[in-house]
């Protein structure tokens, strides 16, 4: 058996830590300047919590925008929690970082794909 380092897994974990740290900053201090986030994730991933109505509209993947109207934003080591408005109705989401497929902050032309 050959021991090898799984560099792609290490890079993937590192990129998720970048997202987590950026979100932690926003959760504690708010969004600075023109920063805003586009966050895409798999709605079927274990641990994703969202209403069944929202899941029915987005059965595989959803992209959320964290910009002007968000509430109850909490970031933990393995997941984040946020309330967003969809069609004028508040929706609570819990998303494991492992469910992310993409993250972008268009204000600074920064993006990651998982």
PDB file of N, CA and C in Angstrom:
ATOM      1  N   UNK A   1       0.845  -1.179   0.000  1.00  0.00           N
ATOM      2  CA  UNK A   1       0.000   0.000   0.000  1.00  0.00           C
ATOM      3  C   UNK A   1       0.891   1.242   0.000  1.00  0.00           C
ATOM      4  N   UNK A   2       0.539   2.208  -0.825  1.00  0.00           N
ATOM      5  CA  UNK A   2       1.310   3.439  -0.940  1.00  0.00           C
ATOM      6  C   UNK A   2       0.622   4.539  -0.158  1.00  0.00           C
ATOM      7  N   UNK A   3       1.387   5.240   0.658  1.00  0.00           N
ATOM      8  CA  UNK A   3       0.864   6.404   1.374  1.00  0.00           C
ATOM      9  C   UNK A   3       1.037   7.627   0.482  1.00  0.00           C
ATOM     10  N   UNK A   4      -0.066   8.328   0.236  1.00  0.00           N
ATOM     11  CA  UNK A   4       0.004   9.551  -0.554  1.00  0.00           C
ATOM     12  C   UNK A   4      -0.783  10.643   0.142  1.00  0.00           C
ATOM     13  N   UNK A   5      -0.391  11.839  -0.121  1.00  0.00           N
ATOM     14  CA  UNK A   5      -1.131  12.988   0.391  1.00  0.00           C
ATOM     15  C   UNK A   5      -2.220  13.332  -0.604  1.00  0.00           C
ATOM     16  N   UNK A   6      -3.412  13.519  -0.129  1.00  0.00           N
ATOM     17  CA  UNK A   6      -4.539  13.873  -0.989  1.00  0.00           C
ATOM     18  C   UNK A   6      -4.607  15.395  -1.076  1.00  0.00           C
ATOM     19  N   UNK A   7      -3.812  15.953  -1.978  1.00  0.00           N
ATOM     20  CA  UNK A   7      -3.715  17.407  -2.080  1.00  0.00           C
ATOM     21  C   UNK A   7      -5.030  18.044  -2.491  1.00  0.00           C
ATOM     22  N   UNK A   8      -5.788  17.410  -3.364  1.00  0.00           N
ATOM     23  CA  UNK A   8      -7.050  18.024  -3.778  1.00  0.00           C
ATOM     24  C   UNK A   8      -8.003  18.138  -2.594  1.00  0.00           C
ATOM     25  N   UNK A   9      -8.015  17.149  -1.719  1.00  0.00           N
ATOM     26  CA  UNK A   9      -8.857  17.217  -0.522  1.00  0.00           C
ATOM     27  C   UNK A   9      -8.354  18.307   0.427  1.00  0.00           C
ATOM     28  N   UNK A  10      -7.044  18.425   0.583  1.00  0.00           N
ATOM     29  CA  UNK A  10      -6.480  19.462   1.449  1.00  0.00           C
ATOM     30  C   UNK A  10      -6.796  20.857   0.927  1.00  0.00           C
ATOM     31  N   UNK A  11      -6.713  21.054  -0.393  1.00  0.00           N
ATOM     32  CA  UNK A  11      -7.035  22.354  -0.991  1.00  0.00           C
ATOM     33  C   UNK A  11      -8.515  22.655  -0.813  1.00  0.00           C
ATOM     34  N   UNK A  12      -9.363  21.643  -1.044  1.00  0.00           N
ATOM     35  CA  UNK A  12     -10.801  21.818  -0.881  1.00  0.00           C
ATOM     36  C   UNK A  12     -11.134  22.236   0.548  1.00  0.00           C
ATOM     37  N   UNK A  13     -10.538  21.583   1.522  1.00  0.00           N
ATOM     38  CA  UNK A  13     -10.759  21.947   2.929  1.00  0.00           C
ATOM     39  C   UNK A  13     -10.272  23.366   3.205  1.00  0.00           C
ATOM     40  N   UNK A  14      -9.136  23.727   2.646  1.00  0.00           N
ATOM     41  CA  UNK A  14      -8.611  25.076   2.828  1.00  0.00           C
ATOM     42  C   UNK A  14      -9.536  26.136   2.251  1.00  0.00           C
ATOM     43  N   UNK A  15     -10.102  25.860   1.081  1.00  0.00           N
ATOM     44  CA  UNK A  15     -11.022  26.822   0.464  1.00  0.00           C
ATOM     45  C   UNK A  15     -12.293  26.966   1.301  1.00  0.00           C
ATOM     46  N   UNK A  16     -12.781  25.883   1.867  1.00  0.00           N
ATOM     47  CA  UNK A  16     -13.964  25.961   2.726  1.00  0.00           C
ATOM     48  C   UNK A  16     -13.658  26.765   3.992  1.00  0.00           C
ATOM     49  N   UNK A  17     -12.421  26.691   4.462  1.00  0.00           N
ATOM     50  CA  UNK A  17     -12.031  27.493   5.632  1.00  0.00           C
ATOM     51  C   UNK A  17     -12.013  28.975   5.277  1.00  0.00           C
ATOM     52  N   UNK A  18     -11.620  29.316   4.062  1.00  0.00           N
ATOM     53  CA  UNK A  18     -11.662  30.709   3.613  1.00  0.00           C
ATOM     54  C   UNK A  18     -13.098  31.215   3.662  1.00  0.00           C
ATOM     55  N   UNK A  19     -14.032  30.418   3.141  1.00  0.00           N
ATOM     56  CA  UNK A  19     -15.447  30.792   3.159  1.00  0.00           C
ATOM     57  C   UNK A  19     -15.931  30.957   4.590  1.00  0.00           C
ATOM     58  N   UNK A  20     -15.611  29.982   5.428  1.00  0.00           N
ATOM     59  CA  UNK A  20     -16.045  30.033   6.833  1.00  0.00           C
ATOM     60  C   UNK A  20     -15.498  31.283   7.518  1.00  0.00           C
ATOM     61  N   UNK A  21     -14.232  31.598   7.314  1.00  0.00           N
ATOM     62  CA  UNK A  21     -13.635  32.765   7.968  1.00  0.00           C
ATOM     63  C   UNK A  21     -14.234  34.074   7.455  1.00  0.00           C
ATOM     64  N   UNK A  22     -14.514  34.156   6.153  1.00  0.00           N
ATOM     65  CA  UNK A  22     -15.162  35.354   5.600  1.00  0.00           C
ATOM     66  C   UNK A  22     -16.559  35.503   6.193  1.00  0.00           C
ATOM     67  N   UNK A  23     -17.274  34.395   6.295  1.00  0.00           N
ATOM     68  CA  UNK A  23     -18.628  34.443   6.874  1.00  0.00           C
ATOM     69  C   UNK A  23     -18.586  34.808   8.354  1.00  0.00           C
ATOM     70  N   UNK A  24     -17.606  34.295   9.072  1.00  0.00           N
ATOM     71  CA  UNK A  24     -17.479  34.654  10.494  1.00  0.00           C
ATOM     72  C   UNK A  24     -17.276  36.149  10.655  1.00  0.00           C
ATOM     73  N   UNK A  25     -16.469  36.726   9.794  1.00  0.00           N
ATOM     74  CA  UNK A  25     -16.232  38.175   9.855  1.00  0.00           C
ATOM     75  C   UNK A  25     -17.543  38.931   9.645  1.00  0.00           C
ATOM     76  N   UNK A  26     -18.313  38.518   8.652  1.00  0.00           N
ATOM     77  CA  UNK A  26     -19.576  39.179   8.355  1.00  0.00           C
ATOM     78  C   UNK A  26     -20.576  38.967   9.481  1.00  0.00           C
ATOM     79  N   UNK A  27     -20.619  37.771  10.043  1.00  0.00           N
ATOM     80  CA  UNK A  27     -21.559  37.485  11.131  1.00  0.00           C
ATOM     81  C   UNK A  27     -21.272  38.359  12.350  1.00  0.00           C
ATOM     82  N   UNK A  28     -20.001  38.667  12.589  1.00  0.00           N
ATOM     83  CA  UNK A  28     -19.662  39.465  13.772  1.00  0.00           C
ATOM     84  C   UNK A  28     -19.622  40.964  13.495  1.00  0.00           C
ATOM     85  N   UNK A  29     -19.276  41.369  12.270  1.00  0.00           N
ATOM     86  CA  UNK A  29     -19.060  42.791  11.986  1.00  0.00           C
ATOM     87  C   UNK A  29     -19.929  43.363  10.875  1.00  0.00           C
ATOM     88  N   UNK A  30     -20.669  42.522  10.167  1.00  0.00           N
ATOM     89  CA  UNK A  30     -21.459  42.986   9.035  1.00  0.00           C
ATOM     90  C   UNK A  30     -20.639  42.998   7.758  1.00  0.00           C
ATOM     91  N   UNK A  31     -21.312  43.230   6.662  1.00  0.00           N
ATOM     92  CA  UNK A  31     -20.640  43.280   5.359  1.00  0.00           C
ATOM     93  C   UNK A  31     -19.962  44.632   5.173  1.00  0.00           C
ATOM     94  N   UNK A  32     -18.662  44.645   4.929  1.00  0.00           N
ATOM     95  CA  UNK A  32     -17.990  45.926   4.702  1.00  0.00           C
ATOM     96  C   UNK A  32     -18.171  46.398   3.262  1.00  0.00           C
ATOM     97  N   UNK A  33     -18.323  47.694   3.088  1.00  0.00           N
ATOM     98  CA  UNK A  33     -18.382  48.297   1.753  1.00  0.00           C
ATOM     99  C   UNK A  33     -19.402  47.649   0.853  1.00  0.00           C
ATOM    100  N   UNK A  34     -18.970  47.298  -0.338  1.00  0.00           N
ATOM    101  CA  UNK A  34     -19.848  46.709  -1.353  1.00  0.00           C
ATOM    102  C   UNK A  34     -19.806  45.182  -1.359  1.00  0.00           C
ATOM    103  N   UNK A  35     -19.139  44.573  -0.399  1.00  0.00           N
ATOM    104  CA  UNK A  35     -19.033  43.115  -0.370  1.00  0.00           C
ATOM    105  C   UNK A  35     -20.410  42.471  -0.278  1.00  0.00           C
ATOM    106  N   UNK A  36     -20.582  41.371  -0.972  1.00  0.00           N
ATOM    107  CA  UNK A  36     -21.759  40.518  -0.861  1.00  0.00           C
ATOM    108  C   UNK A  36     -21.373  39.135  -1.371  1.00  0.00           C
ATOM    109  N   UNK A  37     -22.110  38.135  -0.935  1.00  0.00           N
ATOM    110  CA  UNK A  37     -21.751  36.759  -1.237  1.00  0.00           C
ATOM    111  C   UNK A  37     -22.835  36.077  -2.054  1.00  0.00           C
ATOM    112  N   UNK A  38     -22.417  35.309  -3.046  1.00  0.00           N
ATOM    113  CA  UNK A  38     -23.266  34.333  -3.718  1.00  0.00           C
ATOM    114  C   UNK A  38     -22.788  32.977  -3.218  1.00  0.00           C
ATOM    115  N   UNK A  39     -23.677  32.209  -2.646  1.00  0.00           N
ATOM    116  CA  UNK A  39     -23.319  30.910  -2.072  1.00  0.00           C
ATOM    117  C   UNK A  39     -24.219  29.849  -2.693  1.00  0.00           C
ATOM    118  N   UNK A  40     -23.615  28.907  -3.386  1.00  0.00           N
ATOM    119  CA  UNK A  40     -24.365  27.804  -3.989  1.00  0.00           C
ATOM    120  C   UNK A  40     -24.111  26.538  -3.186  1.00  0.00           C
ATOM    121  N   UNK A  41     -25.187  25.759  -3.002  1.00  0.00           N
ATOM    122  CA  UNK A  41     -25.031  24.507  -2.267  1.00  0.00           C
ATOM    123  C   UNK A  41     -26.055  23.485  -2.718  1.00  0.00           C
ATOM    124  N   UNK A  42     -25.739  22.217  -2.442  1.00  0.00           N
ATOM    125  CA  UNK A  42     -26.622  21.106  -2.765  1.00  0.00           C
ATOM    126  C   UNK A  42     -27.716  21.019  -1.720  1.00  0.00           C
ATOM    127  N   UNK A  43     -28.953  21.092  -2.162  1.00  0.00           N
ATOM    128  CA  UNK A  43     -30.075  21.050  -1.216  1.00  0.00           C
ATOM    129  C   UNK A  43     -30.322  19.639  -0.688  1.00  0.00           C
ATOM    130  N   UNK A  44     -29.758  18.636  -1.349  1.00  0.00           N
ATOM    131  CA  UNK A  44     -29.944  17.243  -0.929  1.00  0.00           C
ATOM    132  C   UNK A  44     -28.833  16.752  -0.007  1.00  0.00           C
ATOM    133  N   UNK A  45     -27.832  17.574   0.229  1.00  0.00           N
ATOM    134  CA  UNK A  45     -26.703  17.157   1.062  1.00  0.00           C
ATOM    135  C   UNK A  45     -27.169  16.889   2.491  1.00  0.00           C
ATOM    136  N   UNK A  46     -26.667  15.828   3.123  1.00  0.00           N
ATOM    137  CA  UNK A  46     -27.033  15.563   4.524  1.00  0.00           C
ATOM    138  C   UNK A  46     -26.720  16.768   5.414  1.00  0.00           C
ATOM    139  N   UNK A  47     -27.660  17.130   6.248  1.00  0.00           N
ATOM    140  CA  UNK A  47     -27.468  18.233   7.173  1.00  0.00           C
ATOM    141  C   UNK A  47     -28.027  19.559   6.694  1.00  0.00           C
ATOM    142  N   UNK A  48     -28.352  19.673   5.406  1.00  0.00           N
ATOM    143  CA  UNK A  48     -28.981  20.908   4.914  1.00  0.00           C
ATOM    144  C   UNK A  48     -30.404  20.942   5.460  1.00  0.00           C
ATOM    145  N   UNK A  49     -30.731  22.043   6.136  1.00  0.00           N
ATOM    146  CA  UNK A  49     -32.080  22.221   6.670  1.00  0.00           C
ATOM    147  C   UNK A  49     -32.699  23.437   6.002  1.00  0.00           C
ATOM    148  N   UNK A  50     -33.881  23.207   5.437  1.00  0.00           N
ATOM    149  CA  UNK A  50     -34.644  24.259   4.777  1.00  0.00           C
ATOM    150  C   UNK A  50     -36.083  23.786   4.707  1.00  0.00           C
ATOM    151  N   UNK A  51     -37.007  24.703   4.453  1.00  0.00           N
ATOM    152  CA  UNK A  51     -38.413  24.317   4.386  1.00  0.00           C
ATOM    153  C   UNK A  51     -38.634  23.377   3.197  1.00  0.00           C
ATOM    154  N   UNK A  52     -39.639  22.544   3.318  1.00  0.00           N
ATOM    155  CA  UNK A  52     -39.972  21.626   2.224  1.00  0.00           C
ATOM    156  C   UNK A  52     -40.439  22.387   0.988  1.00  0.00           C
ATOM    157  N   UNK A  53     -41.119  23.518   1.192  1.00  0.00           N
ATOM    158  CA  UNK A  53     -41.548  24.327   0.057  1.00  0.00           C
ATOM    159  C   UNK A  53     -40.374  24.868  -0.734  1.00  0.00           C
ATOM    160  N   UNK A  54     -39.362  25.351  -0.042  1.00  0.00           N
ATOM    161  CA  UNK A  54     -38.170  25.862  -0.706  1.00  0.00           C
ATOM    162  C   UNK A  54     -37.407  24.720  -1.378  1.00  0.00           C
ATOM    163  N   UNK A  55     -37.321  23.581  -0.705  1.00  0.00           N
ATOM    164  CA  UNK A  55     -36.631  22.426  -1.290  1.00  0.00           C
ATOM    165  C   UNK A  55     -37.353  21.949  -2.553  1.00  0.00           C
ATOM    166  N   UNK A  56     -38.680  22.046  -2.570  1.00  0.00           N
ATOM    167  CA  UNK A  56     -39.441  21.647  -3.763  1.00  0.00           C
ATOM    168  C   UNK A  56     -39.108  22.553  -4.947  1.00  0.00           C
ATOM    169  N   UNK A  57     -38.864  23.835  -4.684  1.00  0.00           N
ATOM    170  CA  UNK A  57     -38.504  24.772  -5.758  1.00  0.00           C
ATOM    171  C   UNK A  57     -37.068  24.561  -6.230  1.00  0.00           C
ATOM    172  N   UNK A  58     -36.213  24.097  -5.330  1.00  0.00           N
ATOM    173  CA  UNK A  58     -34.787  23.900  -5.626  1.00  0.00           C
ATOM    174  C   UNK A  58     -34.400  22.485  -5.193  1.00  0.00           C
ATOM    175  N   UNK A  59     -34.800  21.476  -5.955  1.00  0.00           N
ATOM    176  CA  UNK A  59     -34.621  20.096  -5.508  1.00  0.00           C
ATOM    177  C   UNK A  59     -33.175  19.601  -5.506  1.00  0.00           C
ATOM    178  N   UNK A  60     -32.285  20.272  -6.217  1.00  0.00           N
ATOM    179  CA  UNK A  60     -30.900  19.805  -6.281  1.00  0.00           C
ATOM    180  C   UNK A  60     -29.900  20.819  -5.731  1.00  0.00           C
ATOM    181  N   UNK A  61     -30.021  22.051  -6.191  1.00  0.00           N
ATOM    182  CA  UNK A  61     -29.034  23.077  -5.843  1.00  0.00           C
ATOM    183  C   UNK A  61     -29.719  24.440  -5.795  1.00  0.00           C
ATOM    184  N   UNK A  62     -29.181  25.307  -4.956  1.00  0.00           N
ATOM    185  CA  UNK A  62     -29.695  26.668  -4.835  1.00  0.00           C
ATOM    186  C   UNK A  62     -28.511  27.620  -4.682  1.00  0.00           C
ATOM    187  N   UNK A  63     -28.683  28.827  -5.162  1.00  0.00           N
ATOM    188  CA  UNK A  63     -27.715  29.895  -4.911  1.00  0.00           C
ATOM    189  C   UNK A  63     -28.426  30.965  -4.109  1.00  0.00           C
ATOM    190  N   UNK A  64     -27.850  31.288  -2.955  1.00  0.00           N
ATOM    191  CA  UNK A  64     -28.400  32.348  -2.119  1.00  0.00           C
ATOM    192  C   UNK A  64     -27.489  33.563  -2.201  1.00  0.00           C
ATOM    193  N   UNK A  65     -28.057  34.724  -1.926  1.00  0.00           N
ATOM    194  CA  UNK A  65     -27.300  35.966  -1.920  1.00  0.00           C
ATOM    195  C   UNK A  65     -27.333  36.524  -0.502  1.00  0.00           C
ATOM    196  N   UNK A  66     -26.155  36.767   0.028  1.00  0.00           N
ATOM    197  CA  UNK A  66     -26.031  37.391   1.343  1.00  0.00           C
ATOM    198  C   UNK A  66     -25.575  38.820   1.096  1.00  0.00           C
ATOM    199  N   UNK A  67     -26.528  39.753   1.229  1.00  0.00           N
ATOM    200  CA  UNK A  67     -26.217  41.141   0.921  1.00  0.00           C
ATOM    201  C   UNK A  67     -26.979  42.089   1.826  1.00  0.00           C
ATOM    202  N   UNK A  68     -28.185  42.475   1.460  1.00  0.00           N
ATOM    203  CA  UNK A  68     -28.897  43.506   2.199  1.00  0.00           C
ATOM    204  C   UNK A  68     -29.793  42.975   3.305  1.00  0.00           C
ATOM    205  N   UNK A  69     -30.536  41.934   3.020  1.00  0.00           N
ATOM    206  CA  UNK A  69     -31.521  41.461   3.984  1.00  0.00           C
ATOM    207  C   UNK A  69     -31.218  40.030   4.399  1.00  0.00           C
ATOM    208  N   UNK A  70     -30.589  39.895   5.545  1.00  0.00           N
ATOM    209  CA  UNK A  70     -30.367  38.589   6.146  1.00  0.00           C
ATOM    210  C   UNK A  70     -30.365  38.773   7.652  1.00  0.00           C
ATOM    211  N   UNK A  71     -30.778  37.717   8.346  1.00  0.00           N
ATOM    212  CA  UNK A  71     -30.933  37.785   9.788  1.00  0.00           C
ATOM    213  C   UNK A  71     -30.406  36.507  10.422  1.00  0.00           C
ATOM    214  N   UNK A  72     -30.173  36.581  11.727  1.00  0.00           N
ATOM    215  CA  UNK A  72     -29.799  35.399  12.515  1.00  0.00           C
ATOM    216  C   UNK A  72     -28.626  34.643  11.898  1.00  0.00           C
ATOM    217  N   UNK A  73     -27.637  35.372  11.411  1.00  0.00           N
ATOM    218  CA  UNK A  73     -26.482  34.758  10.748  1.00  0.00           C
ATOM    219  C   UNK A  73     -25.513  34.257  11.804  1.00  0.00           C
ATOM    220  N   UNK A  74     -25.349  32.954  11.855  1.00  0.00           N
ATOM    221  CA  UNK A  74     -24.415  32.312  12.786  1.00  0.00           C
ATOM    222  C   UNK A  74     -23.521  31.360  12.009  1.00  0.00           C
ATOM    223  N   UNK A  75     -22.250  31.380  12.347  1.00  0.00           N
ATOM    224  CA  UNK A  75     -21.287  30.524  11.661  1.00  0.00           C
ATOM    225  C   UNK A  75     -20.613  29.633  12.688  1.00  0.00           C
ATOM    226  N   UNK A  76     -20.696  28.336  12.448  1.00  0.00           N
ATOM    227  CA  UNK A  76     -20.049  27.331  13.289  1.00  0.00           C
ATOM    228  C   UNK A  76     -18.906  26.697  12.496  1.00  0.00           C
ATOM    229  N   UNK A  77     -18.173  25.822  13.132  1.00  0.00           N
ATOM    230  CA  UNK A  77     -17.034  25.194  12.458  1.00  0.00           C
ATOM    231  C   UNK A  77     -17.438  24.420  11.203  1.00  0.00           C
ATOM    232  N   UNK A  78     -18.555  23.704  11.261  1.00  0.00           N
ATOM    233  CA  UNK A  78     -18.932  22.823  10.160  1.00  0.00           C
ATOM    234  C   UNK A  78     -20.118  23.308   9.333  1.00  0.00           C
ATOM    235  N   UNK A  79     -20.803  24.373   9.778  1.00  0.00           N
ATOM    236  CA  UNK A  79     -22.007  24.829   9.073  1.00  0.00           C
ATOM    237  C   UNK A  79     -22.309  26.274   9.417  1.00  0.00           C
ATOM    238  N   UNK A  80     -23.244  26.846   8.632  1.00  0.00           N
ATOM    239  CA  UNK A  80     -23.733  28.177   8.964  1.00  0.00           C
ATOM    240  C   UNK A  80     -25.254  28.154   8.968  1.00  0.00           C
ATOM    241  N   UNK A  81     -25.831  29.117   9.669  1.00  0.00           N
ATOM    242  CA  UNK A  81     -27.275  29.279   9.793  1.00  0.00           C
ATOM    243  C   UNK A  81     -27.604  30.714   9.409  1.00  0.00           C
ATOM    244  N   UNK A  82     -28.695  30.879   8.670  1.00  0.00           N
ATOM    245  CA  UNK A  82     -29.073  32.215   8.227  1.00  0.00           C
ATOM    246  C   UNK A  82     -30.571  32.228   7.925  1.00  0.00           C
ATOM    247  N   UNK A  83     -31.184  33.382   8.091  1.00  0.00           N
ATOM    248  CA  UNK A  83     -32.561  33.581   7.656  1.00  0.00           C
ATOM    249  C   UNK A  83     -32.542  34.576   6.510  1.00  0.00           C
ATOM    250  N   UNK A  84     -33.180  34.186   5.401  1.00  0.00           N
ATOM    251  CA  UNK A  84     -33.276  35.020   4.206  1.00  0.00           C
ATOM    252  C   UNK A  84     -34.736  35.139   3.802  1.00  0.00           C
ATOM    253  N   UNK A  85     -35.032  36.123   2.984  1.00  0.00           N
ATOM    254  CA  UNK A  85     -36.390  36.315   2.490  1.00  0.00           C
ATOM    255  C   UNK A  85     -36.509  35.726   1.086  1.00  0.00           C
ATOM    256  N   UNK A  86     -37.508  34.859   0.896  1.00  0.00           N
ATOM    257  CA  UNK A  86     -37.821  34.286  -0.404  1.00  0.00           C
ATOM    258  C   UNK A  86     -39.271  34.638  -0.705  1.00  0.00           C
ATOM    259  N   UNK A  87     -39.501  35.462  -1.703  1.00  0.00           N
ATOM    260  CA  UNK A  87     -40.857  35.883  -2.034  1.00  0.00           C
ATOM    261  C   UNK A  87     -41.541  36.600  -0.886  1.00  0.00           C
ATOM    262  N   UNK A  88     -40.772  37.347  -0.122  1.00  0.00           N
ATOM    263  CA  UNK A  88     -41.312  38.096   1.004  1.00  0.00           C
ATOM    264  C   UNK A  88     -41.525  37.285   2.269  1.00  0.00           C
ATOM    265  N   UNK A  89     -41.180  36.008   2.220  1.00  0.00           N
ATOM    266  CA  UNK A  89     -41.346  35.132   3.385  1.00  0.00           C
ATOM    267  C   UNK A  89     -39.983  34.762   3.954  1.00  0.00           C
ATOM    268  N   UNK A  90     -39.811  34.885   5.284  1.00  0.00           N
ATOM    269  CA  UNK A  90     -38.535  34.501   5.887  1.00  0.00           C
ATOM    270  C   UNK A  90     -38.351  32.982   5.857  1.00  0.00           C
ATOM    271  N   UNK A  91     -37.140  32.558   5.529  1.00  0.00           N
ATOM    272  CA  UNK A  91     -36.792  31.136   5.490  1.00  0.00           C
ATOM    273  C   UNK A  91     -35.501  30.935   6.263  1.00  0.00           C
ATOM    274  N   UNK A  92     -35.541  30.008   7.210  1.00  0.00           N
ATOM    275  CA  UNK A  92     -34.341  29.656   7.966  1.00  0.00           C
ATOM    276  C   UNK A  92     -33.601  28.548   7.234  1.00  0.00           C
ATOM    277  N   UNK A  93     -32.303  28.734   7.074  1.00  0.00           N
ATOM    278  CA  UNK A  93     -31.466  27.750   6.407  1.00  0.00           C
ATOM    279  C   UNK A  93     -30.321  27.352   7.331  1.00  0.00           C
ATOM    280  N   UNK A  94     -29.981  26.087   7.304  1.00  0.00           N
ATOM    281  CA  UNK A  94     -28.761  25.582   7.935  1.00  0.00           C
ATOM    282  C   UNK A  94     -28.007  24.821   6.860  1.00  0.00           C
ATOM    283  N   UNK A  95     -26.747  25.192   6.655  1.00  0.00           N
ATOM    284  CA  UNK A  95     -25.991  24.639   5.538  1.00  0.00           C
ATOM    285  C   UNK A  95     -24.610  24.182   6.000  1.00  0.00           C
ATOM    286  N   UNK A  96     -24.322  22.893   5.895  1.00  0.00           N
ATOM    287  CA  UNK A  96     -22.955  22.432   6.170  1.00  0.00           C
ATOM    288  C   UNK A  96     -22.008  22.959   5.093  1.00  0.00           C
ATOM    289  N   UNK A  97     -20.803  23.322   5.474  1.00  0.00           N
ATOM    290  CA  UNK A  97     -19.839  23.801   4.487  1.00  0.00           C
ATOM    291  C   UNK A  97     -19.528  22.718   3.457  1.00  0.00           C
ATOM    292  N   UNK A  98     -19.676  21.458   3.833  1.00  0.00           N
ATOM    293  CA  UNK A  98     -19.442  20.351   2.903  1.00  0.00           C
ATOM    294  C   UNK A  98     -20.464  20.336   1.770  1.00  0.00           C
ATOM    295  N   UNK A  99     -21.603  21.021   1.926  1.00  0.00           N
ATOM    296  CA  UNK A  99     -22.639  21.062   0.885  1.00  0.00           C
ATOM    297  C   UNK A  99     -22.352  22.120  -0.176  1.00  0.00           C
ATOM    298  N   UNK A 100     -21.406  23.028   0.074  1.00  0.00           N
ATOM    299  CA  UNK A 100     -21.146  24.126  -0.866  1.00  0.00           C
ATOM    300  C   UNK A 100     -20.632  23.613  -2.199  1.00  0.00           C
ATOM    301  N   UNK A 101     -21.113  24.230  -3.271  1.00  0.00           N
ATOM    302  CA  UNK A 101     -20.593  23.950  -4.606  1.00  0.00           C
ATOM    303  C   UNK A 101     -19.860  25.160  -5.183  1.00  0.00           C
ATOM    304  N   UNK A 102     -20.186  26.356  -4.678  1.00  0.00           N
ATOM    305  CA  UNK A 102     -19.520  27.570  -5.152  1.00  0.00           C
ATOM    306  C   UNK A 102     -19.716  28.696  -4.142  1.00  0.00           C
ATOM    307  N   UNK A 103     -18.763  29.623  -4.153  1.00  0.00           N
ATOM    308  CA  UNK A 103     -18.808  30.823  -3.311  1.00  0.00           C
ATOM    309  C   UNK A 103     -18.201  31.951  -4.124  1.00  0.00           C
ATOM    310  N   UNK A 104     -18.854  33.108  -4.102  1.00  0.00           N
ATOM    311  CA  UNK A 104     -18.307  34.261  -4.824  1.00  0.00           C
ATOM    312  C   UNK A 104     -18.600  35.542  -4.071  1.00  0.00           C
ATOM    313  N   UNK A 105     -17.667  36.475  -4.174  1.00  0.00           N
ATOM    314  CA  UNK A 105     -17.867  37.853  -3.731  1.00  0.00           C
ATOM    315  C   UNK A 105     -17.584  38.721  -4.950  1.00  0.00           C
ATOM    316  N   UNK A 106     -18.633  39.004  -5.742  1.00  0.00           N
ATOM    317  CA  UNK A 106     -18.434  39.737  -6.994  1.00  0.00           C
ATOM    318  C   UNK A 106     -17.850  41.125  -6.824  1.00  0.00           C
ATOM    319  N   UNK A 107     -17.993  41.718  -5.647  1.00  0.00           N
ATOM    320  CA  UNK A 107     -17.492  43.079  -5.450  1.00  0.00           C
ATOM    321  C   UNK A 107     -15.980  43.162  -5.597  1.00  0.00           C
ATOM    322  N   UNK A 108     -15.291  42.050  -5.358  1.00  0.00           N
ATOM    323  CA  UNK A 108     -13.835  42.019  -5.480  1.00  0.00           C
ATOM    324  C   UNK A 108     -13.383  40.954  -6.481  1.00  0.00           C
ATOM    325  N   UNK A 109     -14.334  40.459  -7.289  1.00  0.00           N
ATOM    326  CA  UNK A 109     -14.052  39.452  -8.314  1.00  0.00           C
ATOM    327  C   UNK A 109     -13.354  38.223  -7.730  1.00  0.00           C
ATOM    328  N   UNK A 110     -13.916  37.741  -6.619  1.00  0.00           N
ATOM    329  CA  UNK A 110     -13.370  36.560  -5.951  1.00  0.00           C
ATOM    330  C   UNK A 110     -14.373  35.426  -6.037  1.00  0.00           C
ATOM    331  N   UNK A 111     -13.904  34.237  -6.379  1.00  0.00           N
ATOM    332  CA  UNK A 111     -14.809  33.097  -6.441  1.00  0.00           C
ATOM    333  C   UNK A 111     -14.085  31.779  -6.243  1.00  0.00           C
ATOM    334  N   UNK A 112     -14.810  30.832  -5.708  1.00  0.00           N
ATOM    335  CA  UNK A 112     -14.304  29.479  -5.495  1.00  0.00           C
ATOM    336  C   UNK A 112     -15.349  28.485  -5.981  1.00  0.00           C
ATOM    337  N   UNK A 113     -14.880  27.372  -6.537  1.00  0.00           N
ATOM    338  CA  UNK A 113     -15.773  26.280  -6.923  1.00  0.00           C
ATOM    339  C   UNK A 113     -15.295  25.020  -6.217  1.00  0.00           C
ATOM    340  N   UNK A 114     -16.254  24.255  -5.728  1.00  0.00           N
ATOM    341  CA  UNK A 114     -15.924  23.033  -5.003  1.00  0.00           C
ATOM    342  C   UNK A 114     -16.382  21.828  -5.796  1.00  0.00           C
TER     343      UNK A 114
END
